[in-house]
Amino acid sequence: MIYPSRTASWTSPRVSGTGLVPSCQACEMDTRRISPNELEVMQAWLAHDVADAAVLRTQLTAETEVYRSCSCGCGSIGFVNIDESLDPGVSIFDVDAEIVDENGATVGGMTLLIRNGRLHDVDVHTWLDPLPFPTVEEVRWHPRTGRDD
């Protein structure tokens, strides 16, 4: 997880090209456009007919700006949201993503976090070495039905 510096202002807006990201309210980091691979995986993830999916799909384009949201070397990304409020609560998207290797064995997973009805972060996690953001062929989708998270 990346934290803001002690001098960061929690109310500073993101100014295009400055590297200021509202989700950590003025952290200095590089933003970039979402990669074609990340976009393909996100489109497949959001194609599921579950709560919030239709609204979240409207927030995802080839122009979407993201940033590296973890410093461990994994493929986790955060979404740049200019109008993000200070509400600290997040929810988990209703579809889990399981990452598999070439033999179909589970090697990790991804969790899509939503904040204030907006794409917030994709957490790529594993119990092995840090994983890069997977390709769509390396992901199995599992609806999160009947869970109390």
C-alpha atoms as a PDB file:
ATOM      1  CA  MET A   1       0.000   0.000   0.000  1.00  0.00           C
ATOM      2  CA  ILE A   2       1.274   3.472  -0.810  1.00  0.00           C
ATOM      3  CA  TYR A   3       0.704   6.209   1.757  1.00  0.00           C
ATOM      4  CA  PRO A   4       0.847   9.990   1.320  1.00  0.00           C
ATOM      5  CA  SER A   5       3.806  11.930   2.573  1.00  0.00           C
ATOM      6  CA  ARG A   6       3.490  13.812   5.856  1.00  0.00           C
ATOM      7  CA  THR A   7       3.289  17.057   3.921  1.00  0.00           C
ATOM      8  CA  ALA A   8       0.523  15.888   1.580  1.00  0.00           C
ATOM      9  CA  SER A   9      -2.715  17.788   1.685  1.00  0.00           C
ATOM     10  CA  TRP A  10      -5.745  15.487   2.023  1.00  0.00           C
ATOM     11  CA  THR A  11      -7.864  17.881  -0.008  1.00  0.00           C
ATOM     12  CA  SER A  12      -5.541  18.549  -2.937  1.00  0.00           C
ATOM     13  CA  PRO A  13      -7.195  17.791  -6.292  1.00  0.00           C
ATOM     14  CA  ARG A  14      -5.410  15.827  -8.985  1.00  0.00           C
ATOM     15  CA  VAL A  15      -4.100  18.047 -11.698  1.00  0.00           C
ATOM     16  CA  SER A  16      -3.528  16.319 -15.025  1.00  0.00           C
ATOM     17  CA  GLY A  17       0.129  15.543 -15.565  1.00  0.00           C
ATOM     18  CA  THR A  18       1.218  16.264 -11.994  1.00  0.00           C
ATOM     19  CA  GLY A  19       1.107  12.711 -10.639  1.00  0.00           C
ATOM     20  CA  LEU A  20      -1.294  13.711  -7.859  1.00  0.00           C
ATOM     21  CA  VAL A  21      -3.825  10.957  -7.195  1.00  0.00           C
ATOM     22  CA  PRO A  22      -6.935  11.632  -5.096  1.00  0.00           C
ATOM     23  CA  SER A  23      -7.299   8.076  -3.817  1.00  0.00           C
ATOM     24  CA  CYS A  24      -4.315   8.798  -1.618  1.00  0.00           C
ATOM     25  CA  GLN A  25      -4.976  12.537  -1.828  1.00  0.00           C
ATOM     26  CA  ALA A  26      -1.817  14.045  -3.288  1.00  0.00           C
ATOM     27  CA  CYS A  27       0.606  11.116  -3.251  1.00  0.00           C
ATOM     28  CA  GLU A  28       3.410  11.693  -5.686  1.00  0.00           C
ATOM     29  CA  MET A  29       3.269   8.804  -8.157  1.00  0.00           C
ATOM     30  CA  ASP A  30       3.156   8.138 -11.840  1.00  0.00           C
ATOM     31  CA  THR A  31      -0.181   7.798 -13.540  1.00  0.00           C
ATOM     32  CA  ARG A  32      -0.645   6.221 -16.949  1.00  0.00           C
ATOM     33  CA  ARG A  33      -3.373   5.034 -19.270  1.00  0.00           C
ATOM     34  CA  ILE A  34      -4.709   1.574 -18.590  1.00  0.00           C
ATOM     35  CA  SER A  35      -2.862  -1.024 -20.701  1.00  0.00           C
ATOM     36  CA  PRO A  36      -4.705  -2.970 -23.410  1.00  0.00           C
ATOM     37  CA  ASN A  37      -4.291  -6.154 -21.334  1.00  0.00           C
ATOM     38  CA  GLU A  38      -5.638  -4.529 -18.151  1.00  0.00           C
ATOM     39  CA  LEU A  39      -8.546  -3.085 -20.132  1.00  0.00           C
ATOM     40  CA  GLU A  40      -9.401  -6.499 -21.630  1.00  0.00           C
ATOM     41  CA  VAL A  41      -9.369  -8.174 -18.199  1.00  0.00           C
ATOM     42  CA  MET A  42     -11.434  -5.402 -16.634  1.00  0.00           C
ATOM     43  CA  GLN A  43     -13.990  -5.523 -19.457  1.00  0.00           C
ATOM     44  CA  ALA A  44     -14.353  -9.299 -19.002  1.00  0.00           C
ATOM     45  CA  TRP A  45     -14.687  -8.844 -15.234  1.00  0.00           C
ATOM     46  CA  LEU A  46     -17.323  -6.136 -15.528  1.00  0.00           C
ATOM     47  CA  ALA A  47     -19.258  -8.073 -18.198  1.00  0.00           C
ATOM     48  CA  HIS A  48     -20.859 -10.140 -15.439  1.00  0.00           C
ATOM     49  CA  ASP A  49     -24.482  -9.276 -14.687  1.00  0.00           C
ATOM     50  CA  VAL A  50     -24.104  -8.345 -11.016  1.00  0.00           C
ATOM     51  CA  ALA A  51     -24.811  -5.271  -8.884  1.00  0.00           C
ATOM     52  CA  ASP A  52     -22.854  -2.159  -9.894  1.00  0.00           C
ATOM     53  CA  ALA A  53     -21.391  -3.748 -13.055  1.00  0.00           C
ATOM     54  CA  ALA A  54     -23.328  -1.594 -15.531  1.00  0.00           C
ATOM     55  CA  VAL A  55     -22.318   1.644 -13.777  1.00  0.00           C
ATOM     56  CA  LEU A  56     -18.695   0.565 -13.427  1.00  0.00           C
ATOM     57  CA  ARG A  57     -18.503  -0.355 -17.141  1.00  0.00           C
ATOM     58  CA  THR A  58     -19.239   3.280 -18.011  1.00  0.00           C
ATOM     59  CA  GLN A  59     -16.111   4.344 -16.084  1.00  0.00           C
ATOM     60  CA  LEU A  60     -13.757   2.100 -18.060  1.00  0.00           C
ATOM     61  CA  THR A  61     -12.302   3.252 -21.386  1.00  0.00           C
ATOM     62  CA  ALA A  62      -8.968   3.110 -23.168  1.00  0.00           C
ATOM     63  CA  GLU A  63      -8.403   6.597 -21.706  1.00  0.00           C
ATOM     64  CA  THR A  64      -8.823   5.450 -18.068  1.00  0.00           C
ATOM     65  CA  GLU A  65      -5.885   6.538 -15.925  1.00  0.00           C
ATOM     66  CA  VAL A  66      -4.373   4.127 -13.419  1.00  0.00           C
ATOM     67  CA  TYR A  67      -1.360   3.964 -11.144  1.00  0.00           C
ATOM     68  CA  ARG A  68       0.626   1.229  -9.430  1.00  0.00           C
ATOM     69  CA  SER A  69      -1.160   0.812  -6.093  1.00  0.00           C
ATOM     70  CA  CYS A  70       1.296  -1.509  -4.338  1.00  0.00           C
ATOM     71  CA  SER A  71       5.054  -1.395  -3.935  1.00  0.00           C
ATOM     72  CA  CYS A  72       5.673  -5.176  -3.601  1.00  0.00           C
ATOM     73  CA  GLY A  73       6.116  -5.691  -7.345  1.00  0.00           C
ATOM     74  CA  CYS A  74       2.679  -7.200  -8.021  1.00  0.00           C
ATOM     75  CA  GLY A  75       0.319  -6.045 -10.755  1.00  0.00           C
ATOM     76  CA  SER A  76      -2.126  -4.212  -8.459  1.00  0.00           C
ATOM     77  CA  ILE A  77      -3.515  -0.997  -9.955  1.00  0.00           C
ATOM     78  CA  GLY A  78      -5.528   1.914  -8.633  1.00  0.00           C
ATOM     79  CA  PHE A  79      -7.932   4.019 -10.667  1.00  0.00           C
ATOM     80  CA  VAL A  80      -7.563   7.791 -10.808  1.00  0.00           C
ATOM     81  CA  ASN A  81     -10.828   9.393  -9.667  1.00  0.00           C
ATOM     82  CA  ILE A  82     -10.821  13.177  -9.664  1.00  0.00           C
ATOM     83  CA  ASP A  83     -14.129  13.519  -7.800  1.00  0.00           C
ATOM     84  CA  GLU A  84     -13.434  10.962  -5.083  1.00  0.00           C
ATOM     85  CA  SER A  85     -14.701  12.001  -1.665  1.00  0.00           C
ATOM     86  CA  LEU A  86     -12.953  11.408   1.627  1.00  0.00           C
ATOM     87  CA  ASP A  87     -15.222   8.449   2.494  1.00  0.00           C
ATOM     88  CA  PRO A  88     -12.753   5.739   3.574  1.00  0.00           C
ATOM     89  CA  GLY A  89     -15.134   2.802   3.006  1.00  0.00           C
ATOM     90  CA  VAL A  90     -14.737   0.403   0.115  1.00  0.00           C
ATOM     91  CA  SER A  91     -16.824  -2.521  -1.072  1.00  0.00           C
ATOM     92  CA  ILE A  92     -15.856  -5.641  -2.996  1.00  0.00           C
ATOM     93  CA  PHE A  93     -17.211  -6.296  -6.492  1.00  0.00           C
ATOM     94  CA  ASP A  94     -19.571  -9.287  -6.606  1.00  0.00           C
ATOM     95  CA  VAL A  95     -17.289 -11.432  -8.810  1.00  0.00           C
ATOM     96  CA  ASP A  96     -14.025 -12.962  -7.588  1.00  0.00           C
ATOM     97  CA  ALA A  97     -11.107 -13.420  -9.976  1.00  0.00           C
ATOM     98  CA  GLU A  98      -8.924 -16.504  -9.596  1.00  0.00           C
ATOM     99  CA  ILE A  99      -5.522 -16.429 -11.328  1.00  0.00           C
ATOM    100  CA  VAL A 100      -4.368 -19.772 -12.764  1.00  0.00           C
ATOM    101  CA  ASP A 101      -1.114 -21.000 -14.278  1.00  0.00           C
ATOM    102  CA  GLU A 102      -0.652 -22.785 -17.618  1.00  0.00           C
ATOM    103  CA  ASN A 103      -1.803 -26.074 -16.006  1.00  0.00           C
ATOM    104  CA  GLY A 104      -4.966 -24.523 -14.574  1.00  0.00           C
ATOM    105  CA  ALA A 105      -3.686 -24.569 -10.987  1.00  0.00           C
ATOM    106  CA  THR A 106      -4.656 -21.612  -8.814  1.00  0.00           C
ATOM    107  CA  VAL A 107      -1.684 -19.330  -8.137  1.00  0.00           C
ATOM    108  CA  GLY A 108      -3.467 -16.244  -6.854  1.00  0.00           C
ATOM    109  CA  GLY A 109      -6.432 -13.983  -7.247  1.00  0.00           C
ATOM    110  CA  MET A 110      -7.700 -10.469  -7.727  1.00  0.00           C
ATOM    111  CA  THR A 111     -10.177  -8.380  -5.793  1.00  0.00           C
ATOM    112  CA  LEU A 112     -11.894  -5.379  -7.356  1.00  0.00           C
ATOM    113  CA  LEU A 113     -12.533  -2.664  -4.802  1.00  0.00           C
ATOM    114  CA  ILE A 114     -15.230  -0.034  -5.311  1.00  0.00           C
ATOM    115  CA  ARG A 115     -15.369   3.279  -3.470  1.00  0.00           C
ATOM    116  CA  ASN A 116     -18.370   5.605  -3.629  1.00  0.00           C
ATOM    117  CA  GLY A 117     -19.721   3.719  -6.658  1.00  0.00           C
ATOM    118  CA  ARG A 118     -16.480   4.155  -8.604  1.00  0.00           C
ATOM    119  CA  LEU A 119     -13.668   1.850  -9.671  1.00  0.00           C
ATOM    120  CA  HIS A 120     -11.056   2.163  -6.936  1.00  0.00           C
ATOM    121  CA  ASP A 121      -8.404  -0.577  -6.949  1.00  0.00           C
ATOM    122  CA  VAL A 122      -7.567  -4.038  -8.270  1.00  0.00           C
ATOM    123  CA  ASP A 123      -5.635  -6.002  -5.666  1.00  0.00           C
ATOM    124  CA  VAL A 124      -3.526  -8.772  -7.247  1.00  0.00           C
ATOM    125  CA  HIS A 125      -2.639 -11.284  -4.528  1.00  0.00           C
ATOM    126  CA  THR A 126      -0.797 -14.585  -4.281  1.00  0.00           C
ATOM    127  CA  TRP A 127       1.010 -16.800  -1.817  1.00  0.00           C
ATOM    128  CA  LEU A 128       3.940 -17.115  -4.237  1.00  0.00           C
ATOM    129  CA  ASP A 129       6.177 -14.403  -5.669  1.00  0.00           C
ATOM    130  CA  PRO A 130       4.340 -11.201  -6.640  1.00  0.00           C
ATOM    131  CA  LEU A 131       2.262 -11.716  -9.782  1.00  0.00           C
ATOM    132  CA  PRO A 132       1.984  -9.303 -12.672  1.00  0.00           C
ATOM    133  CA  PHE A 133      -1.475  -8.275 -13.836  1.00  0.00           C
ATOM    134  CA  PRO A 134      -2.777 -11.443 -15.541  1.00  0.00           C
ATOM    135  CA  THR A 135      -4.114 -11.922 -19.052  1.00  0.00           C
ATOM    136  CA  VAL A 136      -7.792 -12.727 -19.512  1.00  0.00           C
ATOM    137  CA  GLU A 137      -6.811 -16.350 -20.322  1.00  0.00           C
ATOM    138  CA  GLU A 138      -5.237 -16.663 -16.865  1.00  0.00           C
ATOM    139  CA  VAL A 139      -8.406 -15.687 -14.983  1.00  0.00           C
ATOM    140  CA  ARG A 140     -11.393 -17.723 -13.825  1.00  0.00           C
ATOM    141  CA  TRP A 141     -14.441 -15.795 -12.622  1.00  0.00           C
ATOM    142  CA  HIS A 142     -16.544 -16.772  -9.582  1.00  0.00           C
ATOM    143  CA  PRO A 143     -19.702 -14.875  -8.528  1.00  0.00           C
ATOM    144  CA  ARG A 144     -19.693 -13.940  -4.830  1.00  0.00           C
ATOM    145  CA  THR A 145     -23.253 -15.116  -4.125  1.00  0.00           C
ATOM    146  CA  GLY A 146     -24.561 -15.682  -0.623  1.00  0.00           C
ATOM    147  CA  ARG A 147     -21.529 -14.290   1.201  1.00  0.00           C
ATOM    148  CA  ASP A 148     -21.475 -11.961   4.148  1.00  0.00           C
ATOM    149  CA  ASP A 149     -18.244 -10.012   3.570  1.00  0.00           C
END
